[in-house]
Amino acid sequence: MVGSIHLEVLGQEQCEADSERETLSANLHDGALQTLYAVGLQLETAKSLITTAPSEAKLRVSESIQQLNHAIVQLRTLIGDHAQVPPVEDFSEALNSLILFFRRISSTVFCVSIEPGAVVGLSRPQISHLQNIMRGGLFNVVRHARAETCVVQLTRDSHQVRVQIWDDGKGFDITRVRQRSKGLLSMTHRAKRISASFSLWSQPGNGTSLDLVIPL
C-alpha cells in the first residue's frame, strides 16, 4: 500500500514536471524565439536597403534593437518564473501593434476585424493563450505562406469567442507537417489549456485557415 501511494505520488510529480516543461517550451517558442525570427527578417530587409535607402535601413536596425531588448525581457521573465502567466497588454493595442510590425516585414496585406469587447470577461490565462495562438498563426503566415492577403477576424456572441485567420498562400500538407511543427503543437497545447476548440485546414496551393473557439 505504501509502495503504491509512493508510486502514485511519483507519477503525479512526473505529470506535473512534463506539463511544466511543455509550458516552458511553448512560451519560449511563442515568445522570444518568434521575436528573434522577426528580428532576422528585419535585418535582412535593412541589409537590402543599405545602399538604396540608408535612412530606412537605419530605422529597421533601430527597430530590430528594440525587438531584441523585448526578447531579453521575455527570456528573463521565463527564467525567473517559467510557470508565470505572461503579462497581458491591452488586447486590441497589442494585436494592432503586431499586425503593424508584420506589415513592415512582409508584403502580405492584412485585413483585420476585431469586435469591440470581444475578450471582455476572459481570464488572464485565456487572453494570454489567445494572444499567443494568434501570434503563432500570424507568424506562420509571414514565415511560410507567401500570401498576398491574410484575413483576421475576432468575434463574440453569448456563447463563445471566435478567432479566424485565413490566408491565400501556398498552403501545405497537414498530415506531413502537424506532428513535427513546433508552432502547431504549441497552438494545440494552448487551446487545450483553456478548453478551446482548435482546427486548422490547409491544402498545397489553396491557402490555410485557422479557427479557434473559446466557450463562455
N, C-alpha and C. Protein backbone atom coordinates (compact mmCIF):
# COMPACT_ATOMS: atom_id res chain seq x y z
N MET A 1 0.83 -1.20 0.00
CA MET A 1 0.00 0.00 0.00
C MET A 1 0.87 1.25 0.00
N VAL A 2 1.89 1.26 0.89
CA VAL A 2 2.79 2.40 0.94
C VAL A 2 3.50 2.57 -0.39
N GLY A 3 3.97 1.43 -0.95
CA GLY A 3 4.65 1.48 -2.24
C GLY A 3 3.74 2.01 -3.32
N SER A 4 2.46 1.59 -3.28
CA SER A 4 1.51 2.05 -4.28
C SER A 4 1.30 3.56 -4.18
N ILE A 5 1.16 4.07 -2.95
CA ILE A 5 0.99 5.51 -2.76
C ILE A 5 2.22 6.26 -3.23
N HIS A 6 3.39 5.70 -2.93
CA HIS A 6 4.65 6.35 -3.33
C HIS A 6 4.74 6.44 -4.85
N LEU A 7 4.38 5.36 -5.53
CA LEU A 7 4.43 5.36 -6.99
C LEU A 7 3.42 6.35 -7.57
N GLU A 8 2.25 6.43 -6.91
CA GLU A 8 1.22 7.35 -7.38
C GLU A 8 1.70 8.79 -7.26
N VAL A 9 2.37 9.12 -6.15
CA VAL A 9 2.90 10.47 -5.95
C VAL A 9 3.97 10.78 -6.98
N LEU A 10 4.86 9.79 -7.22
CA LEU A 10 5.90 9.98 -8.22
C LEU A 10 5.31 10.21 -9.61
N GLY A 11 4.25 9.43 -9.92
CA GLY A 11 3.59 9.59 -11.20
C GLY A 11 2.98 10.97 -11.36
N GLN A 12 2.36 11.47 -10.27
CA GLN A 12 1.76 12.80 -10.31
C GLN A 12 2.84 13.87 -10.49
N GLU A 13 3.96 13.71 -9.78
CA GLU A 13 5.06 14.66 -9.89
C GLU A 13 5.62 14.67 -11.30
N GLN A 14 5.71 13.48 -11.93
CA GLN A 14 6.23 13.39 -13.28
C GLN A 14 5.29 14.10 -14.26
N CYS A 15 3.97 13.90 -14.07
CA CYS A 15 3.00 14.57 -14.93
C CYS A 15 3.10 16.09 -14.80
N GLU A 16 3.26 16.56 -13.55
CA GLU A 16 3.39 18.00 -13.32
C GLU A 16 4.66 18.54 -13.96
N ALA A 17 5.74 17.76 -13.85
CA ALA A 17 7.00 18.19 -14.46
C ALA A 17 6.90 18.24 -15.98
N ASP A 18 6.24 17.23 -16.55
CA ASP A 18 6.05 17.21 -18.01
C ASP A 18 5.22 18.40 -18.48
N SER A 19 4.15 18.70 -17.71
CA SER A 19 3.29 19.83 -18.06
C SER A 19 4.06 21.14 -17.97
N GLU A 20 4.92 21.24 -16.94
CA GLU A 20 5.72 22.44 -16.76
C GLU A 20 6.69 22.63 -17.91
N ARG A 21 7.30 21.53 -18.33
CA ARG A 21 8.24 21.60 -19.46
C ARG A 21 7.51 21.99 -20.74
N GLU A 22 6.30 21.45 -20.95
CA GLU A 22 5.51 21.80 -22.13
C GLU A 22 5.19 23.30 -22.13
N THR A 23 4.83 23.82 -20.96
CA THR A 23 4.50 25.24 -20.85
C THR A 23 5.72 26.10 -21.13
N LEU A 24 6.86 25.74 -20.55
CA LEU A 24 8.09 26.49 -20.77
C LEU A 24 8.47 26.46 -22.25
N SER A 25 8.40 25.28 -22.85
CA SER A 25 8.75 25.14 -24.26
C SER A 25 7.84 25.99 -25.14
N ALA A 26 6.53 25.95 -24.84
CA ALA A 26 5.57 26.74 -25.63
C ALA A 26 5.83 28.23 -25.48
N ASN A 27 6.11 28.69 -24.24
CA ASN A 27 6.34 30.10 -24.01
C ASN A 27 7.62 30.58 -24.70
N LEU A 28 8.64 29.73 -24.70
CA LEU A 28 9.89 30.08 -25.39
C LEU A 28 9.64 30.21 -26.89
N HIS A 29 8.94 29.22 -27.45
CA HIS A 29 8.69 29.23 -28.90
C HIS A 29 7.82 30.41 -29.30
N ASP A 30 6.75 30.64 -28.56
CA ASP A 30 5.77 31.65 -28.95
C ASP A 30 6.19 33.06 -28.56
N GLY A 31 7.21 33.18 -27.72
CA GLY A 31 7.67 34.49 -27.29
C GLY A 31 9.00 34.87 -27.89
N ALA A 32 10.06 34.55 -27.17
CA ALA A 32 11.39 35.00 -27.56
C ALA A 32 11.84 34.47 -28.91
N LEU A 33 11.60 33.20 -29.20
CA LEU A 33 12.10 32.63 -30.45
C LEU A 33 11.42 33.26 -31.66
N GLN A 34 10.12 33.49 -31.58
CA GLN A 34 9.43 34.15 -32.68
C GLN A 34 9.90 35.59 -32.84
N THR A 35 10.18 36.25 -31.72
CA THR A 35 10.70 37.61 -31.78
C THR A 35 12.06 37.63 -32.47
N LEU A 36 12.91 36.68 -32.14
CA LEU A 36 14.23 36.60 -32.77
C LEU A 36 14.12 36.34 -34.26
N TYR A 37 13.16 35.50 -34.66
CA TYR A 37 12.95 35.26 -36.08
C TYR A 37 12.53 36.55 -36.78
N ALA A 38 11.64 37.32 -36.16
CA ALA A 38 11.19 38.58 -36.74
C ALA A 38 12.36 39.56 -36.86
N VAL A 39 13.24 39.57 -35.87
CA VAL A 39 14.43 40.43 -35.94
C VAL A 39 15.28 40.05 -37.14
N GLY A 40 15.41 38.75 -37.39
CA GLY A 40 16.17 38.29 -38.56
C GLY A 40 15.59 38.83 -39.85
N LEU A 41 14.25 38.81 -39.97
CA LEU A 41 13.61 39.36 -41.16
C LEU A 41 13.86 40.86 -41.30
N GLN A 42 13.80 41.56 -40.17
CA GLN A 42 14.06 42.99 -40.19
C GLN A 42 15.47 43.30 -40.67
N LEU A 43 16.44 42.54 -40.15
CA LEU A 43 17.83 42.79 -40.51
C LEU A 43 18.11 42.44 -41.97
N GLU A 44 17.45 41.40 -42.48
CA GLU A 44 17.59 41.07 -43.90
C GLU A 44 17.08 42.22 -44.77
N THR A 45 15.94 42.79 -44.37
CA THR A 45 15.40 43.93 -45.10
C THR A 45 16.34 45.12 -45.01
N ALA A 46 16.85 45.39 -43.80
CA ALA A 46 17.78 46.51 -43.62
C ALA A 46 19.02 46.35 -44.49
N LYS A 47 19.53 45.13 -44.58
CA LYS A 47 20.72 44.86 -45.41
C LYS A 47 20.47 45.22 -46.86
N SER A 48 19.27 44.90 -47.36
CA SER A 48 18.96 45.18 -48.77
C SER A 48 18.74 46.66 -49.02
N LEU A 49 18.53 47.44 -47.96
CA LEU A 49 18.26 48.87 -48.12
C LEU A 49 19.46 49.77 -47.85
N ILE A 50 20.57 49.18 -47.43
CA ILE A 50 21.72 49.98 -47.00
C ILE A 50 22.19 50.94 -48.09
N THR A 51 22.27 50.48 -49.33
CA THR A 51 22.77 51.34 -50.42
C THR A 51 21.68 52.18 -51.07
N THR A 52 20.45 51.66 -51.14
CA THR A 52 19.38 52.38 -51.84
C THR A 52 18.58 53.32 -50.94
N ALA A 53 18.44 52.96 -49.66
CA ALA A 53 17.67 53.79 -48.72
C ALA A 53 18.29 53.69 -47.33
N PRO A 54 19.44 54.34 -47.15
CA PRO A 54 20.16 54.21 -45.87
C PRO A 54 19.36 54.67 -44.65
N SER A 55 18.53 55.68 -44.81
CA SER A 55 17.72 56.16 -43.67
C SER A 55 16.72 55.10 -43.24
N GLU A 56 16.07 54.46 -44.22
CA GLU A 56 15.14 53.38 -43.91
C GLU A 56 15.86 52.20 -43.29
N ALA A 57 17.06 51.90 -43.80
CA ALA A 57 17.85 50.79 -43.25
C ALA A 57 18.19 51.07 -41.79
N LYS A 58 18.55 52.31 -41.49
CA LYS A 58 18.88 52.70 -40.11
C LYS A 58 17.67 52.53 -39.20
N LEU A 59 16.49 52.91 -39.72
CA LEU A 59 15.26 52.75 -38.94
C LEU A 59 14.99 51.28 -38.65
N ARG A 60 15.18 50.42 -39.65
CA ARG A 60 14.96 48.98 -39.46
C ARG A 60 15.90 48.41 -38.42
N VAL A 61 17.14 48.86 -38.42
CA VAL A 61 18.11 48.37 -37.43
C VAL A 61 17.69 48.81 -36.03
N SER A 62 17.22 50.07 -35.90
CA SER A 62 16.76 50.56 -34.60
C SER A 62 15.58 49.74 -34.10
N GLU A 63 14.65 49.42 -34.99
CA GLU A 63 13.51 48.60 -34.61
C GLU A 63 13.96 47.21 -34.19
N SER A 64 14.97 46.68 -34.86
CA SER A 64 15.49 45.35 -34.51
C SER A 64 16.09 45.35 -33.12
N ILE A 65 16.78 46.44 -32.78
CA ILE A 65 17.36 46.55 -31.44
C ILE A 65 16.26 46.56 -30.38
N GLN A 66 15.17 47.28 -30.66
CA GLN A 66 14.03 47.30 -29.74
C GLN A 66 13.44 45.91 -29.57
N GLN A 67 13.31 45.18 -30.68
CA GLN A 67 12.77 43.82 -30.62
C GLN A 67 13.69 42.89 -29.83
N LEU A 68 14.99 43.05 -30.00
CA LEU A 68 15.94 42.23 -29.24
C LEU A 68 15.83 42.51 -27.74
N ASN A 69 15.68 43.78 -27.38
CA ASN A 69 15.51 44.12 -25.97
C ASN A 69 14.23 43.51 -25.42
N HIS A 70 13.18 43.49 -26.26
CA HIS A 70 11.92 42.86 -25.85
C HIS A 70 12.12 41.37 -25.64
N ALA A 71 12.89 40.72 -26.52
CA ALA A 71 13.16 39.29 -26.37
C ALA A 71 13.93 39.01 -25.08
N ILE A 72 14.84 39.90 -24.73
CA ILE A 72 15.60 39.73 -23.48
C ILE A 72 14.67 39.78 -22.28
N VAL A 73 13.72 40.72 -22.30
CA VAL A 73 12.74 40.82 -21.21
C VAL A 73 11.91 39.54 -21.12
N GLN A 74 11.49 39.02 -22.28
CA GLN A 74 10.71 37.79 -22.30
C GLN A 74 11.50 36.63 -21.69
N LEU A 75 12.76 36.52 -22.06
CA LEU A 75 13.59 35.43 -21.54
C LEU A 75 13.80 35.57 -20.04
N ARG A 76 14.02 36.77 -19.56
CA ARG A 76 14.22 36.98 -18.13
C ARG A 76 12.96 36.60 -17.35
N THR A 77 11.81 36.93 -17.91
CA THR A 77 10.54 36.57 -17.26
C THR A 77 10.40 35.06 -17.16
N LEU A 78 10.72 34.36 -18.26
CA LEU A 78 10.59 32.90 -18.27
C LEU A 78 11.59 32.24 -17.34
N ILE A 79 12.83 32.75 -17.33
CA ILE A 79 13.86 32.17 -16.46
C ILE A 79 13.52 32.41 -14.99
N GLY A 80 12.98 33.61 -14.70
CA GLY A 80 12.64 33.95 -13.32
C GLY A 80 11.51 33.10 -12.78
N ASP A 81 10.50 32.87 -13.61
CA ASP A 81 9.36 32.05 -13.18
C ASP A 81 8.65 31.58 -14.43
N HIS A 82 9.08 30.41 -14.98
CA HIS A 82 8.53 29.97 -16.24
C HIS A 82 7.11 29.44 -16.13
N ALA A 83 6.60 29.31 -14.91
CA ALA A 83 5.20 28.90 -14.76
C ALA A 83 4.27 30.11 -14.71
N GLN A 84 4.88 31.31 -14.63
CA GLN A 84 4.08 32.52 -14.53
C GLN A 84 3.37 32.83 -15.84
N VAL A 85 2.14 33.29 -15.74
CA VAL A 85 1.42 33.72 -16.94
C VAL A 85 2.01 35.05 -17.39
N PRO A 86 2.42 35.18 -18.67
CA PRO A 86 3.00 36.43 -19.15
C PRO A 86 2.02 37.59 -18.98
N PRO A 87 2.54 38.80 -18.71
CA PRO A 87 1.66 39.96 -18.58
C PRO A 87 0.82 40.16 -19.83
N VAL A 88 -0.42 40.55 -19.65
CA VAL A 88 -1.33 40.76 -20.78
C VAL A 88 -1.50 42.25 -21.02
N GLU A 89 -1.12 42.71 -22.21
CA GLU A 89 -1.30 44.10 -22.58
C GLU A 89 -2.76 44.29 -23.01
N ASP A 90 -3.12 45.55 -23.28
CA ASP A 90 -4.41 45.80 -23.89
C ASP A 90 -4.49 44.99 -25.17
N PHE A 91 -5.50 44.14 -25.28
CA PHE A 91 -5.52 43.14 -26.34
C PHE A 91 -5.52 43.77 -27.73
N SER A 92 -6.44 44.68 -27.99
CA SER A 92 -6.53 45.29 -29.32
C SER A 92 -5.26 46.05 -29.66
N GLU A 93 -4.72 46.77 -28.70
CA GLU A 93 -3.50 47.54 -28.93
C GLU A 93 -2.33 46.60 -29.26
N ALA A 94 -2.22 45.50 -28.50
CA ALA A 94 -1.13 44.56 -28.73
C ALA A 94 -1.26 43.89 -30.10
N LEU A 95 -2.50 43.52 -30.47
CA LEU A 95 -2.71 42.86 -31.76
C LEU A 95 -2.45 43.84 -32.91
N ASN A 96 -2.92 45.06 -32.79
CA ASN A 96 -2.69 46.05 -33.85
C ASN A 96 -1.20 46.35 -34.00
N SER A 97 -0.48 46.40 -32.88
CA SER A 97 0.96 46.63 -32.93
C SER A 97 1.66 45.48 -33.65
N LEU A 98 1.21 44.26 -33.38
CA LEU A 98 1.79 43.09 -34.03
C LEU A 98 1.51 43.10 -35.54
N ILE A 99 0.28 43.43 -35.92
CA ILE A 99 -0.08 43.49 -37.33
C ILE A 99 0.75 44.56 -38.05
N LEU A 100 0.92 45.71 -37.40
CA LEU A 100 1.72 46.79 -37.99
C LEU A 100 3.14 46.33 -38.24
N PHE A 101 3.69 45.58 -37.29
CA PHE A 101 5.05 45.06 -37.45
C PHE A 101 5.13 44.08 -38.61
N PHE A 102 4.14 43.18 -38.72
CA PHE A 102 4.14 42.21 -39.81
C PHE A 102 3.99 42.90 -41.18
N ARG A 103 3.25 43.98 -41.21
CA ARG A 103 3.10 44.72 -42.46
C ARG A 103 4.44 45.30 -42.92
N ARG A 104 5.27 45.62 -41.94
CA ARG A 104 6.57 46.21 -42.28
C ARG A 104 7.57 45.17 -42.76
N ILE A 105 7.45 43.93 -42.31
CA ILE A 105 8.46 42.93 -42.67
C ILE A 105 7.99 41.97 -43.75
N SER A 106 6.76 42.16 -44.26
CA SER A 106 6.28 41.28 -45.32
C SER A 106 5.43 42.07 -46.31
N SER A 107 5.17 41.47 -47.45
CA SER A 107 4.35 42.12 -48.48
C SER A 107 2.88 41.71 -48.38
N THR A 108 2.55 40.86 -47.41
CA THR A 108 1.17 40.40 -47.24
C THR A 108 0.26 41.55 -46.79
N VAL A 109 -0.92 41.62 -47.38
CA VAL A 109 -1.91 42.61 -46.96
C VAL A 109 -2.77 41.99 -45.86
N PHE A 110 -2.77 42.59 -44.67
CA PHE A 110 -3.54 42.07 -43.55
C PHE A 110 -4.84 42.85 -43.41
N CYS A 111 -5.95 42.14 -43.42
CA CYS A 111 -7.28 42.73 -43.24
C CYS A 111 -7.80 42.27 -41.87
N VAL A 112 -7.90 43.19 -40.94
CA VAL A 112 -8.18 42.83 -39.54
C VAL A 112 -9.53 43.38 -39.09
N SER A 113 -10.33 42.54 -38.47
CA SER A 113 -11.62 42.94 -37.91
C SER A 113 -11.72 42.40 -36.48
N ILE A 114 -11.73 43.32 -35.51
CA ILE A 114 -11.81 42.94 -34.10
C ILE A 114 -13.10 43.51 -33.52
N GLU A 115 -13.98 42.64 -33.07
CA GLU A 115 -15.24 43.10 -32.48
C GLU A 115 -14.97 43.76 -31.14
N PRO A 116 -15.46 44.98 -30.91
CA PRO A 116 -15.23 45.66 -29.64
C PRO A 116 -15.68 44.81 -28.45
N GLY A 117 -14.84 44.74 -27.45
CA GLY A 117 -15.18 44.00 -26.24
C GLY A 117 -15.16 42.49 -26.40
N ALA A 118 -14.51 42.02 -27.46
CA ALA A 118 -14.54 40.57 -27.73
C ALA A 118 -13.91 39.74 -26.61
N VAL A 119 -12.92 40.28 -25.93
CA VAL A 119 -12.23 39.49 -24.90
C VAL A 119 -12.63 39.91 -23.49
N VAL A 120 -13.61 40.81 -23.38
CA VAL A 120 -14.07 41.24 -22.05
C VAL A 120 -14.61 40.03 -21.28
N GLY A 121 -14.15 39.88 -20.06
CA GLY A 121 -14.62 38.77 -19.23
C GLY A 121 -13.78 37.52 -19.31
N LEU A 122 -12.89 37.44 -20.31
CA LEU A 122 -11.98 36.29 -20.36
C LEU A 122 -10.94 36.42 -19.25
N SER A 123 -10.50 35.29 -18.74
CA SER A 123 -9.49 35.32 -17.69
C SER A 123 -8.14 35.71 -18.26
N ARG A 124 -7.22 36.08 -17.38
CA ARG A 124 -5.88 36.43 -17.83
C ARG A 124 -5.19 35.28 -18.57
N PRO A 125 -5.25 34.04 -18.05
CA PRO A 125 -4.66 32.94 -18.82
C PRO A 125 -5.32 32.75 -20.19
N GLN A 126 -6.64 32.90 -20.27
CA GLN A 126 -7.32 32.76 -21.55
C GLN A 126 -6.82 33.80 -22.56
N ILE A 127 -6.71 35.05 -22.12
CA ILE A 127 -6.25 36.11 -23.01
C ILE A 127 -4.80 35.87 -23.42
N SER A 128 -3.98 35.43 -22.46
CA SER A 128 -2.57 35.17 -22.77
C SER A 128 -2.42 34.08 -23.82
N HIS A 129 -3.14 32.97 -23.64
CA HIS A 129 -3.05 31.87 -24.61
C HIS A 129 -3.65 32.29 -25.95
N LEU A 130 -4.73 33.07 -25.91
CA LEU A 130 -5.33 33.56 -27.14
C LEU A 130 -4.34 34.43 -27.92
N GLN A 131 -3.67 35.34 -27.23
CA GLN A 131 -2.65 36.18 -27.86
C GLN A 131 -1.57 35.34 -28.53
N ASN A 132 -1.09 34.34 -27.81
CA ASN A 132 0.00 33.52 -28.33
C ASN A 132 -0.43 32.67 -29.52
N ILE A 133 -1.67 32.16 -29.49
CA ILE A 133 -2.17 31.38 -30.63
C ILE A 133 -2.29 32.27 -31.86
N MET A 134 -2.83 33.47 -31.68
CA MET A 134 -2.96 34.38 -32.81
C MET A 134 -1.59 34.80 -33.33
N ARG A 135 -0.66 35.08 -32.42
CA ARG A 135 0.69 35.45 -32.83
C ARG A 135 1.34 34.32 -33.61
N GLY A 136 1.15 33.09 -33.14
CA GLY A 136 1.72 31.94 -33.84
C GLY A 136 1.14 31.77 -35.23
N GLY A 137 -0.19 31.94 -35.35
CA GLY A 137 -0.82 31.81 -36.65
C GLY A 137 -0.34 32.87 -37.62
N LEU A 138 -0.19 34.11 -37.14
CA LEU A 138 0.26 35.19 -38.00
C LEU A 138 1.73 35.03 -38.38
N PHE A 139 2.56 34.57 -37.45
CA PHE A 139 3.96 34.31 -37.77
C PHE A 139 4.07 33.26 -38.86
N ASN A 140 3.23 32.25 -38.79
CA ASN A 140 3.25 31.21 -39.83
C ASN A 140 2.90 31.79 -41.20
N VAL A 141 1.95 32.73 -41.23
CA VAL A 141 1.60 33.36 -42.49
C VAL A 141 2.81 34.11 -43.06
N VAL A 142 3.45 34.91 -42.21
CA VAL A 142 4.59 35.70 -42.65
C VAL A 142 5.78 34.82 -43.04
N ARG A 143 5.99 33.78 -42.26
CA ARG A 143 7.19 32.95 -42.46
C ARG A 143 7.05 31.94 -43.59
N HIS A 144 5.85 31.36 -43.74
CA HIS A 144 5.72 30.22 -44.65
C HIS A 144 4.76 30.43 -45.82
N ALA A 145 3.71 31.22 -45.64
CA ALA A 145 2.59 31.18 -46.59
C ALA A 145 2.86 31.83 -47.94
N ARG A 146 3.68 32.88 -47.94
CA ARG A 146 3.87 33.67 -49.16
C ARG A 146 2.52 34.14 -49.71
N ALA A 147 1.71 34.62 -48.80
CA ALA A 147 0.34 35.00 -49.14
C ALA A 147 0.27 36.45 -49.60
N GLU A 148 -0.67 36.72 -50.48
CA GLU A 148 -0.96 38.10 -50.88
C GLU A 148 -1.86 38.75 -49.84
N THR A 149 -2.79 37.97 -49.28
CA THR A 149 -3.77 38.51 -48.34
C THR A 149 -3.95 37.59 -47.14
N CYS A 150 -4.10 38.19 -45.98
CA CYS A 150 -4.43 37.44 -44.76
C CYS A 150 -5.58 38.16 -44.06
N VAL A 151 -6.65 37.42 -43.76
CA VAL A 151 -7.82 37.98 -43.09
C VAL A 151 -7.84 37.49 -41.64
N VAL A 152 -7.98 38.43 -40.71
CA VAL A 152 -8.01 38.11 -39.28
C VAL A 152 -9.32 38.63 -38.70
N GLN A 153 -10.11 37.74 -38.11
CA GLN A 153 -11.38 38.12 -37.53
C GLN A 153 -11.49 37.62 -36.09
N LEU A 154 -11.91 38.51 -35.20
CA LEU A 154 -12.15 38.15 -33.80
C LEU A 154 -13.57 38.58 -33.46
N THR A 155 -14.44 37.60 -33.20
CA THR A 155 -15.86 37.87 -32.94
C THR A 155 -16.30 37.25 -31.62
N ARG A 156 -17.48 37.66 -31.19
CA ARG A 156 -18.00 37.16 -29.92
C ARG A 156 -19.52 37.14 -29.97
N ASP A 157 -20.12 36.10 -29.36
CA ASP A 157 -21.56 36.10 -29.11
C ASP A 157 -21.78 35.65 -27.68
N SER A 158 -23.00 35.31 -27.34
CA SER A 158 -23.29 34.97 -25.95
C SER A 158 -22.68 33.64 -25.52
N HIS A 159 -22.23 32.85 -26.47
CA HIS A 159 -21.74 31.52 -26.15
C HIS A 159 -20.23 31.33 -26.34
N GLN A 160 -19.60 32.18 -27.15
CA GLN A 160 -18.21 31.90 -27.49
C GLN A 160 -17.47 33.15 -28.00
N VAL A 161 -16.14 33.05 -27.90
CA VAL A 161 -15.23 33.99 -28.56
C VAL A 161 -14.55 33.20 -29.67
N ARG A 162 -14.53 33.76 -30.88
CA ARG A 162 -14.02 33.02 -32.02
C ARG A 162 -12.96 33.80 -32.78
N VAL A 163 -11.87 33.13 -33.11
CA VAL A 163 -10.80 33.70 -33.92
C VAL A 163 -10.70 32.92 -35.22
N GLN A 164 -10.63 33.65 -36.33
CA GLN A 164 -10.42 33.03 -37.63
C GLN A 164 -9.29 33.77 -38.34
N ILE A 165 -8.33 33.01 -38.80
CA ILE A 165 -7.21 33.56 -39.57
C ILE A 165 -7.13 32.78 -40.88
N TRP A 166 -7.26 33.50 -41.99
CA TRP A 166 -7.27 32.86 -43.30
C TRP A 166 -6.26 33.54 -44.21
N ASP A 167 -5.55 32.76 -44.99
CA ASP A 167 -4.63 33.37 -45.97
C ASP A 167 -4.76 32.66 -47.32
N ASP A 168 -4.35 33.34 -48.38
CA ASP A 168 -4.42 32.77 -49.73
C ASP A 168 -3.04 32.33 -50.22
N GLY A 169 -2.21 31.88 -49.28
CA GLY A 169 -0.85 31.50 -49.60
C GLY A 169 -0.71 30.11 -50.20
N LYS A 170 0.50 29.57 -50.13
CA LYS A 170 0.83 28.33 -50.83
C LYS A 170 0.26 27.09 -50.15
N GLY A 171 -0.16 27.20 -48.88
CA GLY A 171 -0.73 26.04 -48.19
C GLY A 171 0.30 24.94 -47.96
N PHE A 172 -0.15 23.86 -47.36
CA PHE A 172 0.76 22.74 -47.07
C PHE A 172 -0.06 21.48 -46.78
N ASP A 173 0.64 20.35 -46.75
CA ASP A 173 0.01 19.07 -46.44
C ASP A 173 0.03 18.88 -44.92
N ILE A 174 -1.14 19.04 -44.28
CA ILE A 174 -1.21 18.97 -42.82
C ILE A 174 -0.74 17.63 -42.28
N THR A 175 -1.04 16.55 -42.98
CA THR A 175 -0.69 15.21 -42.49
C THR A 175 0.83 15.04 -42.40
N ARG A 176 1.58 15.79 -43.17
CA ARG A 176 3.04 15.67 -43.15
C ARG A 176 3.69 16.64 -42.18
N VAL A 177 2.98 17.70 -41.83
CA VAL A 177 3.58 18.77 -41.03
C VAL A 177 3.17 18.74 -39.57
N ARG A 178 1.91 18.35 -39.30
CA ARG A 178 1.33 18.53 -37.96
C ARG A 178 2.21 17.99 -36.84
N GLN A 179 2.71 16.76 -36.97
CA GLN A 179 3.41 16.11 -35.86
C GLN A 179 4.81 16.67 -35.62
N ARG A 180 5.38 17.37 -36.61
CA ARG A 180 6.74 17.86 -36.42
C ARG A 180 6.82 19.39 -36.36
N SER A 181 5.67 20.05 -36.39
CA SER A 181 5.67 21.50 -36.33
C SER A 181 5.55 21.97 -34.88
N LYS A 182 6.59 22.61 -34.38
CA LYS A 182 6.57 23.11 -33.01
C LYS A 182 5.46 24.14 -32.84
N GLY A 183 5.25 24.98 -33.87
CA GLY A 183 4.23 26.01 -33.77
C GLY A 183 2.83 25.44 -33.67
N LEU A 184 2.51 24.44 -34.50
CA LEU A 184 1.17 23.85 -34.46
C LEU A 184 0.95 23.10 -33.14
N LEU A 185 1.97 22.40 -32.68
CA LEU A 185 1.85 21.69 -31.41
C LEU A 185 1.62 22.67 -30.26
N SER A 186 2.32 23.80 -30.31
CA SER A 186 2.16 24.81 -29.27
C SER A 186 0.75 25.39 -29.28
N MET A 187 0.22 25.70 -30.46
CA MET A 187 -1.13 26.24 -30.53
C MET A 187 -2.17 25.23 -30.04
N THR A 188 -1.98 23.96 -30.40
CA THR A 188 -2.89 22.91 -29.93
C THR A 188 -2.84 22.78 -28.42
N HIS A 189 -1.63 22.81 -27.87
CA HIS A 189 -1.43 22.72 -26.42
C HIS A 189 -2.11 23.89 -25.71
N ARG A 190 -1.94 25.08 -26.24
CA ARG A 190 -2.54 26.26 -25.61
C ARG A 190 -4.07 26.21 -25.65
N ALA A 191 -4.61 25.79 -26.78
CA ALA A 191 -6.06 25.69 -26.89
C ALA A 191 -6.62 24.71 -25.86
N LYS A 192 -5.92 23.59 -25.69
CA LYS A 192 -6.35 22.58 -24.72
C LYS A 192 -6.33 23.14 -23.30
N ARG A 193 -5.34 23.99 -23.01
CA ARG A 193 -5.21 24.54 -21.66
C ARG A 193 -6.40 25.43 -21.29
N ILE A 194 -7.07 26.03 -22.27
CA ILE A 194 -8.20 26.91 -21.96
C ILE A 194 -9.51 26.30 -22.45
N SER A 195 -9.51 24.98 -22.67
CA SER A 195 -10.72 24.24 -23.07
C SER A 195 -11.35 24.81 -24.34
N ALA A 196 -10.50 25.25 -25.27
CA ALA A 196 -10.99 25.79 -26.53
C ALA A 196 -10.86 24.75 -27.63
N SER A 197 -11.68 24.88 -28.66
CA SER A 197 -11.54 24.01 -29.83
C SER A 197 -10.61 24.70 -30.83
N PHE A 198 -9.76 23.92 -31.44
CA PHE A 198 -8.77 24.46 -32.38
C PHE A 198 -8.75 23.59 -33.62
N SER A 199 -8.92 24.21 -34.78
CA SER A 199 -8.86 23.45 -36.02
C SER A 199 -8.03 24.21 -37.05
N LEU A 200 -7.38 23.46 -37.90
CA LEU A 200 -6.54 24.03 -38.94
C LEU A 200 -6.81 23.29 -40.24
N TRP A 201 -7.03 24.06 -41.31
CA TRP A 201 -7.25 23.45 -42.62
C TRP A 201 -6.26 24.05 -43.60
N SER A 202 -5.68 23.18 -44.45
CA SER A 202 -4.78 23.68 -45.48
C SER A 202 -4.62 22.63 -46.57
N GLN A 203 -4.37 23.10 -47.76
CA GLN A 203 -4.02 22.24 -48.89
C GLN A 203 -2.95 22.93 -49.72
N PRO A 204 -2.00 22.19 -50.26
CA PRO A 204 -0.99 22.81 -51.11
C PRO A 204 -1.64 23.60 -52.24
N GLY A 205 -1.27 24.87 -52.34
CA GLY A 205 -1.80 25.73 -53.39
C GLY A 205 -3.12 26.38 -53.09
N ASN A 206 -3.73 26.08 -51.92
CA ASN A 206 -5.06 26.60 -51.60
C ASN A 206 -5.15 27.33 -50.27
N GLY A 207 -4.04 27.81 -49.79
CA GLY A 207 -4.07 28.61 -48.58
C GLY A 207 -4.28 27.81 -47.30
N THR A 208 -4.46 28.55 -46.21
CA THR A 208 -4.59 27.94 -44.89
C THR A 208 -5.63 28.73 -44.08
N SER A 209 -6.41 28.03 -43.26
CA SER A 209 -7.35 28.71 -42.36
C SER A 209 -7.23 28.11 -40.97
N LEU A 210 -7.26 28.98 -39.98
CA LEU A 210 -7.18 28.60 -38.56
C LEU A 210 -8.47 29.06 -37.90
N ASP A 211 -9.01 28.20 -37.04
CA ASP A 211 -10.27 28.50 -36.35
C ASP A 211 -10.13 28.11 -34.89
N LEU A 212 -10.30 29.09 -34.00
CA LEU A 212 -10.22 28.86 -32.56
C LEU A 212 -11.50 29.36 -31.90
N VAL A 213 -12.12 28.51 -31.07
CA VAL A 213 -13.36 28.88 -30.39
C VAL A 213 -13.19 28.66 -28.88
N ILE A 214 -13.38 29.75 -28.12
CA ILE A 214 -13.31 29.69 -26.66
C ILE A 214 -14.73 29.76 -26.12
N PRO A 215 -15.22 28.70 -25.48
CA PRO A 215 -16.59 28.75 -24.94
C PRO A 215 -16.69 29.69 -23.75
N LEU A 216 -17.84 30.34 -23.61
CA LEU A 216 -18.06 31.26 -22.49
C LEU A 216 -18.95 30.63 -21.44
